[in-house]
Protein backbone atom coordinates (compact mmCIF):
# COMPACT_ATOMS: atom_id res chain seq x y z
CA MET A 1 -18.54 42.46 -139.76
CA ALA A 2 -15.22 44.06 -138.78
CA HIS A 3 -13.13 41.28 -140.28
CA GLU A 4 -15.18 41.40 -143.48
CA SER A 5 -14.76 45.16 -143.91
CA ILE A 6 -10.98 44.90 -143.54
CA ASN A 7 -10.89 42.06 -146.07
CA LYS A 8 -12.93 44.15 -148.51
CA LEU A 9 -10.64 47.15 -148.05
CA ASN A 10 -7.55 44.99 -148.60
CA SER A 11 -9.12 43.47 -151.71
CA ILE A 12 -9.86 46.92 -153.18
CA GLN A 13 -6.30 48.07 -152.41
CA GLU A 14 -4.88 45.01 -154.18
CA ASN A 15 -7.17 45.60 -157.16
CA ILE A 16 -6.01 49.21 -157.37
CA LYS A 17 -2.38 48.09 -157.44
CA LYS A 18 -3.09 45.75 -160.36
CA LEU A 19 -5.06 48.37 -162.27
CA ASN A 20 -2.44 51.05 -161.62
CA ILE A 21 0.52 49.26 -163.19
CA GLY A 22 2.29 51.91 -165.24
CA ASN A 23 0.22 54.69 -163.66
CA ASN A 24 1.93 57.10 -161.26
CA VAL A 25 -1.30 57.94 -159.43
CA ASN A 26 -1.64 56.40 -155.96
CA PRO A 27 -5.25 57.18 -155.02
CA GLU A 28 -6.53 57.71 -151.50
CA ILE A 29 -9.52 55.58 -150.54
CA ILE A 30 -12.19 57.48 -148.63
CA CYS A 31 -14.39 55.02 -146.78
CA ILE A 32 -17.89 56.52 -146.93
CA SER A 33 -19.16 55.84 -143.44
CA LYS A 34 -22.51 57.68 -143.46
CA THR A 35 -25.22 55.79 -141.49
CA PHE A 36 -22.62 53.43 -139.98
CA SER A 37 -21.78 53.62 -136.28
CA ILE A 38 -18.31 54.17 -134.85
CA SER A 39 -18.37 50.61 -133.52
CA GLN A 40 -18.72 49.41 -137.13
CA ILE A 41 -16.02 51.78 -138.37
CA LYS A 42 -13.46 51.47 -135.57
CA PRO A 43 -11.93 48.15 -136.75
CA LEU A 44 -10.90 49.92 -139.94
CA ILE A 45 -9.29 52.73 -137.91
CA ASP A 46 -7.48 50.17 -135.77
CA HIS A 47 -6.33 48.50 -138.98
CA GLY A 48 -4.73 51.81 -140.03
CA HIS A 49 -7.29 53.33 -142.36
CA PHE A 50 -7.79 57.03 -141.62
CA HIS A 51 -9.79 58.66 -144.45
CA PHE A 52 -13.57 58.63 -143.94
CA GLY A 53 -16.45 60.45 -145.60
CA GLU A 54 -19.79 61.73 -144.33
CA ASN A 55 -22.62 63.53 -146.10
CA LYS A 56 -24.37 65.25 -143.17
CA VAL A 57 -22.69 67.67 -140.79
CA GLN A 58 -24.85 66.84 -137.76
CA GLU A 59 -24.40 63.08 -138.09
CA ALA A 60 -20.67 63.55 -138.54
CA ASP A 61 -20.44 65.81 -135.49
CA ASN A 62 -22.28 63.32 -133.29
CA LYS A 63 -20.21 60.43 -134.55
CA TRP A 64 -16.68 61.78 -134.98
CA ASN A 65 -16.19 64.71 -132.61
CA GLU A 66 -14.65 62.82 -129.70
CA ILE A 67 -12.78 60.11 -131.57
CA LYS A 68 -11.22 62.68 -133.91
CA LYS A 69 -9.87 64.68 -130.98
CA ASN A 70 -8.06 61.56 -129.77
CA ASN A 71 -6.70 60.46 -133.14
CA LYS A 72 -4.82 63.14 -135.06
CA ASN A 73 -4.29 60.81 -138.04
CA LEU A 74 -7.99 60.78 -138.93
CA LYS A 75 -9.01 62.80 -141.99
CA LEU A 76 -12.69 63.52 -142.42
CA HIS A 77 -14.25 64.33 -145.80
CA MET A 78 -17.54 66.14 -146.33
CA VAL A 79 -18.97 64.56 -149.48
CA GLY A 80 -22.61 65.72 -149.32
CA LYS A 81 -24.40 68.96 -150.14
CA LEU A 82 -23.25 71.63 -147.69
CA GLN A 83 -25.62 74.38 -146.60
CA THR A 84 -24.15 77.74 -145.67
CA ASN A 85 -25.67 77.63 -142.16
CA LYS A 86 -23.67 74.43 -141.50
CA ALA A 87 -20.44 75.73 -143.00
CA LYS A 88 -18.75 76.86 -139.78
CA LYS A 89 -19.40 73.53 -138.06
CA ALA A 90 -18.12 71.78 -141.20
CA VAL A 91 -14.87 73.76 -141.11
CA GLU A 92 -14.50 72.91 -137.43
CA LEU A 93 -14.94 69.17 -138.00
CA PHE A 94 -13.77 68.27 -141.51
CA ASP A 95 -10.39 68.31 -143.25
CA PHE A 96 -11.65 68.11 -146.84
CA ILE A 97 -14.86 69.40 -148.41
CA HIS A 98 -15.83 67.85 -151.75
CA SER A 99 -18.98 69.89 -152.43
CA LEU A 100 -17.89 73.49 -152.97
CA ASP A 101 -20.48 74.73 -155.45
CA SER A 102 -21.23 78.46 -155.06
CA ILE A 103 -19.63 81.83 -154.38
CA LYS A 104 -21.92 82.28 -151.38
CA LEU A 105 -20.70 79.02 -149.83
CA ALA A 106 -17.07 79.83 -150.66
CA ASN A 107 -17.32 83.17 -148.87
CA VAL A 108 -18.90 81.65 -145.75
CA LEU A 109 -16.27 78.90 -145.66
CA LYS A 110 -13.45 81.45 -145.90
CA LYS A 111 -14.99 83.53 -143.12
CA SER A 112 -15.26 80.40 -140.97
CA GLU A 113 -11.64 79.46 -141.67
CA LYS A 114 -10.50 82.87 -140.44
CA GLU A 115 -12.64 82.68 -137.29
CA LEU A 116 -11.45 79.16 -136.47
CA LYS A 117 -7.85 79.72 -137.64
CA LYS A 118 -8.06 76.57 -139.73
CA ASN A 119 -7.38 75.82 -143.41
CA LEU A 120 -9.13 73.00 -145.26
CA SER A 121 -8.69 71.45 -148.69
CA TYR A 122 -11.56 71.83 -151.16
CA PHE A 123 -12.91 70.17 -154.27
CA ILE A 124 -15.23 72.07 -156.58
CA GLN A 125 -18.25 69.92 -157.36
CA ILE A 126 -19.09 70.12 -161.04
CA ASN A 127 -22.40 69.17 -162.63
CA ILE A 128 -20.89 67.29 -165.55
CA GLY A 129 -24.25 66.15 -166.94
CA ASN A 130 -26.01 69.49 -166.38
CA GLU A 131 -28.68 67.71 -164.33
CA SER A 132 -31.28 70.07 -162.88
CA GLN A 133 -31.72 68.00 -159.70
CA LYS A 134 -27.98 67.92 -158.90
CA ALA A 135 -25.77 70.49 -157.25
CA GLY A 136 -22.52 71.59 -158.79
CA ILE A 137 -20.92 74.25 -160.97
CA SER A 138 -21.43 74.02 -164.71
CA PRO A 139 -18.21 72.99 -166.49
CA ASN A 140 -18.56 76.19 -168.52
CA ASN A 141 -18.39 78.32 -165.37
CA VAL A 142 -15.81 76.42 -163.34
CA LYS A 143 -12.77 78.37 -164.60
CA ASP A 144 -14.10 81.70 -163.35
CA PHE A 145 -15.29 80.15 -160.09
CA LEU A 146 -11.89 78.57 -159.47
CA LYS A 147 -10.18 81.89 -160.17
CA TYR A 148 -12.41 83.59 -157.60
CA CYS A 149 -11.74 80.92 -154.95
CA LEU A 150 -7.98 80.85 -155.46
CA HIS A 151 -7.17 84.50 -156.11
CA GLU A 152 -9.96 86.57 -154.59
CA ILE A 153 -10.49 84.76 -151.28
CA ASN A 154 -7.53 82.36 -151.12
CA LEU A 155 -9.37 79.06 -150.61
CA ASN A 156 -7.19 75.96 -150.96
CA VAL A 157 -8.96 74.33 -153.92
CA ILE A 158 -7.08 71.16 -154.87
CA GLY A 159 -9.32 69.59 -157.51
CA LEU A 160 -12.73 68.80 -158.97
CA MET A 161 -15.36 66.39 -157.65
CA VAL A 162 -17.94 64.72 -159.83
CA LEU A 163 -21.07 62.60 -159.38
CA PRO A 164 -21.84 61.49 -162.94
CA PRO A 165 -25.36 60.82 -164.20
CA ASN A 166 -26.47 57.22 -163.78
CA ASP A 167 -26.92 56.61 -167.49
CA GLY A 168 -24.16 54.12 -168.26
CA LYS A 169 -21.76 56.77 -169.61
CA ALA A 170 -19.40 57.00 -166.62
CA LYS A 171 -16.34 56.59 -168.86
CA GLN A 172 -17.30 59.61 -170.95
CA TYR A 173 -18.01 61.81 -167.91
CA PHE A 174 -14.84 60.75 -166.11
CA GLU A 175 -12.76 61.46 -169.21
CA GLU A 176 -14.31 64.94 -169.58
CA THR A 177 -13.80 65.71 -165.88
CA SER A 178 -10.20 64.51 -165.92
CA LYS A 179 -9.39 66.67 -168.95
CA LEU A 180 -11.05 69.70 -167.37
CA ASN A 181 -9.15 69.11 -164.12
CA PHE A 182 -5.87 68.95 -166.07
CA ASP A 183 -6.69 72.07 -168.12
CA LEU A 184 -7.38 73.98 -164.90
CA GLY A 185 -3.99 72.95 -163.51
CA LEU A 186 -5.46 71.11 -160.53
CA LYS A 187 -3.56 68.27 -158.90
CA HIS A 188 -6.30 66.13 -157.36
CA LEU A 189 -9.55 64.59 -158.53
CA SER A 190 -12.41 63.21 -156.40
CA MET A 191 -14.01 60.70 -158.74
CA GLY A 192 -15.26 57.12 -158.55
CA MET A 193 -17.35 55.12 -156.10
CA SER A 194 -17.87 51.43 -155.29
CA GLY A 195 -19.42 50.58 -158.65
CA ASP A 196 -17.20 52.62 -160.98
CA TYR A 197 -13.87 53.28 -159.26
CA GLU A 198 -12.04 51.03 -161.73
CA ILE A 199 -13.12 53.33 -164.58
CA ALA A 200 -12.23 56.44 -162.54
CA LEU A 201 -8.70 55.10 -162.02
CA LYS A 202 -8.13 55.04 -165.77
CA PHE A 203 -8.68 58.79 -165.78
CA LYS A 204 -6.31 59.59 -162.92
CA SER A 205 -8.67 59.93 -159.97
CA THR A 206 -6.69 60.59 -156.78
CA PHE A 207 -9.54 60.24 -154.25
CA LEU A 208 -11.99 57.33 -154.49
CA ARG A 209 -15.22 57.52 -152.46
CA ILE A 210 -16.06 53.93 -151.56
CA GLY A 211 -18.83 52.98 -149.13
CA SER A 212 -20.77 49.77 -149.71
CA GLY A 213 -17.71 48.18 -151.32
CA ILE A 214 -16.06 48.25 -147.88
CA LEU A 215 -18.79 48.45 -145.23
CA GLY A 216 -21.55 46.64 -147.10
CA PRO A 217 -25.10 47.84 -147.81
CA ARG A 218 -26.51 50.63 -145.68
CA ALA A 219 -29.37 49.94 -143.32
CA LEU A 220 -32.62 51.36 -144.63
CA LYS A 221 -34.02 54.11 -142.43
CA ASN A 222 -37.72 54.18 -141.60
């Protein structure tokens, strides 16, 4: 298992190099480690991979709290929906949050940063397909929301994050998100997963969220 995950990571890194010829973007690979144990993840850490993503605060706390204290190189990314009552614990544990999606959450996160004397990096999650079942700021409202986060409460927003609809139009959504990110003057872009990261690279994604492509399929929970 360990050897296989390292081989898969190396293969993805090589593929990115080939795809990125002529492109100045050198994307960071976030290994999405939700549902996987530290024993399954640790070989990747020992190999020198330090960016990991989780989608639940409690699972991440149970899994990463101790090992993160002992390894200052580790960078933990919150990639799932974040509830305001979990925001302080998230600020305590994570380095990046990819799911900033409301003024209420932004205010609680800023308050938590002040209390913990810690500054994180944030991505605004946008709802590029205007799907009712998905979280995220409407592209039409993101400019005002970004202005509030940057200038009113001084949150370190570094880019947009997108989860496109699963309708076969990833290229279109990634292109729209990349253009919006550029128009907003943001430097980073959290876009692309195991099945579509190659498309995301064409539109200058700087953070790829790859799970099954490295660690394999997740175990089904009863």
